[in-house]
Every structure is written in C-alpha cells, then in structure tokens.
C-alpha cells in the first residue's frame, strides 16, 4: 500500500479550499513528499463552523492512547474495518478531516531485462498516481486532537483506503479514498455521527479516475524528499486486461446513493447533502 504522497503548495491549498489567512493556522512552507510520521497539512471543521488548515502528524494517535510510542499501523485505515475497530470507529463518528494532496506513489512489480546477459528479473517500479487535470484533491481522513507538551494542541490523522476498482487494480489492490470537492462539506458534517453511514458515504463517493506516471526509482527512498525530484515524470500507459488499445483510467464509482443512505439512516442528518458549502452544514 502507498507510503508517500505529494502535498500541494500553500497557495494551491488556499485557492482550492478558499481559505483566508485567518483560516490557516499552520501554513505550509513548501510542497513536500509526506511519509508516515511526517507533519503535513490537514483541513478540519473548526469550532466556528469554518474550514481550518492545521499541521498534523500522519499516523493517528487516538485520544485514549497511553503508550509511550505511537501506534505503528495507524497510517492507513481500511474502510472495511473502520466501523469495527475503536481506533477508527470513534473518529469516523465525530472527527473526520480532509488531507490535501496532488498525487500519491504506488509500486508495481515489473520485469526487467539485463542488457548484457538478457536475464529477466523482477523490480519494483514506482508510479505517481494523480488526477488527469493535475488539480489538488482531498483524501478522506480520520483525525485525533490531543493535548501535547503541557497545554499545546496536537493533531494526528489517518487516510481511509478501499479496494481498487477497474484498471487501477493493475498497480495495487488497494487505493486511498479521494473525495470529490462537492462531497467535502458532507464528509465534515458534524451532525453525522453514525460511523457506518459516514464510511459508506466515503466509499460510494470515492473518485477512481486516475492517471499514472512511472517516476524515478529514487522517489521510493524516504530520504529523497524534494518535491522537485518527485515531479520528474516518465510517461507510461497501462492497459486493461484483454484490451491493449485503451489506456488505463478507472471508471468513477461516485453516485448519490450514499447520500440517500445517509439521509434515511441518520434522522438528524437530513441536511446532509453532497455539494453543500461549509456554512450550510454548520450545526
């Protein structure tokens, strides 16, 4: 499963989510390649009802966690398990967030021929997966807010994943959940407190239409963190099984059925709807 992703620049985040300076608590100095345990931008719904950008650790540490070391397997949350495990279920019911990104890395096993011996060997080829229009997007995230270092507020988050659909499965069987922009406010809606409804909403609204680029193998080294290196792309075309004429893009699974489910299953969430602005979903 993916272990690195690229953030947008601060200007791109502010423009895409229409954030005023007062809504940016921790501005991003420069785009970065985020890896587990790194500090990265996260967007939450503030107490005022407005969006707020904060800095958060990638790797959820639940509010009730008492161990000295943080959990080691809390960077991604399989959506199929999110309502069964307390570490995911609690934030899924009341602490959801958006994680800004412009792409993520995934590796795929490929055969390579030694030019001298002709021997075939298997290697891991990294790919950058992004939207075709190169616009920022948001991973569906679950967050925790804890008091650290005396009286300081610290945020942590995890990223929801699901099974890959269509040709995207050629690279990996799992993908992070990307929410379309008009589903962001509904995902953050405070009055939606049923974790199962929230997770089903994310799964059904998930974007699945991506393009993939083979990238320099050095990006898979955590020490190569410069975003400039990661954006050096090599074009690649993947093909669906049985059809060598169609370049890989996955069909979108987005539809409105999750909102219908949310409306019928959550009596108090009748105002929950895809496309609502943050102001309209304020309690």
Foldseek 3Di string as FASTA:
>chain_A
DFFKFKFQAQVQVCVVLVDDPVQEPDHDPGIKIDGAQDWAWKWAQDPVLDIHIDIAGQFAAAQPDDDPDGDPPRNEDELVCQCPDPSRNQQLQAFKIWGKGFWTKFWAWDWDADPVPRDIDIDIWIKTKGAPVSHIWTFTKGKHWYAPPHRDIHMYIHGYKYAAAFPVCNRPRMDTFTAPPLQRLLLNQRLRRRSVLSSVLSVQRGFFFIAMFTFDPCVVPPVPMDVVRVPPTHHDFDDTPPDPPDGDTGDTSHDCVSVVVSCVVRVVVVVRDGRDDSVSSDD
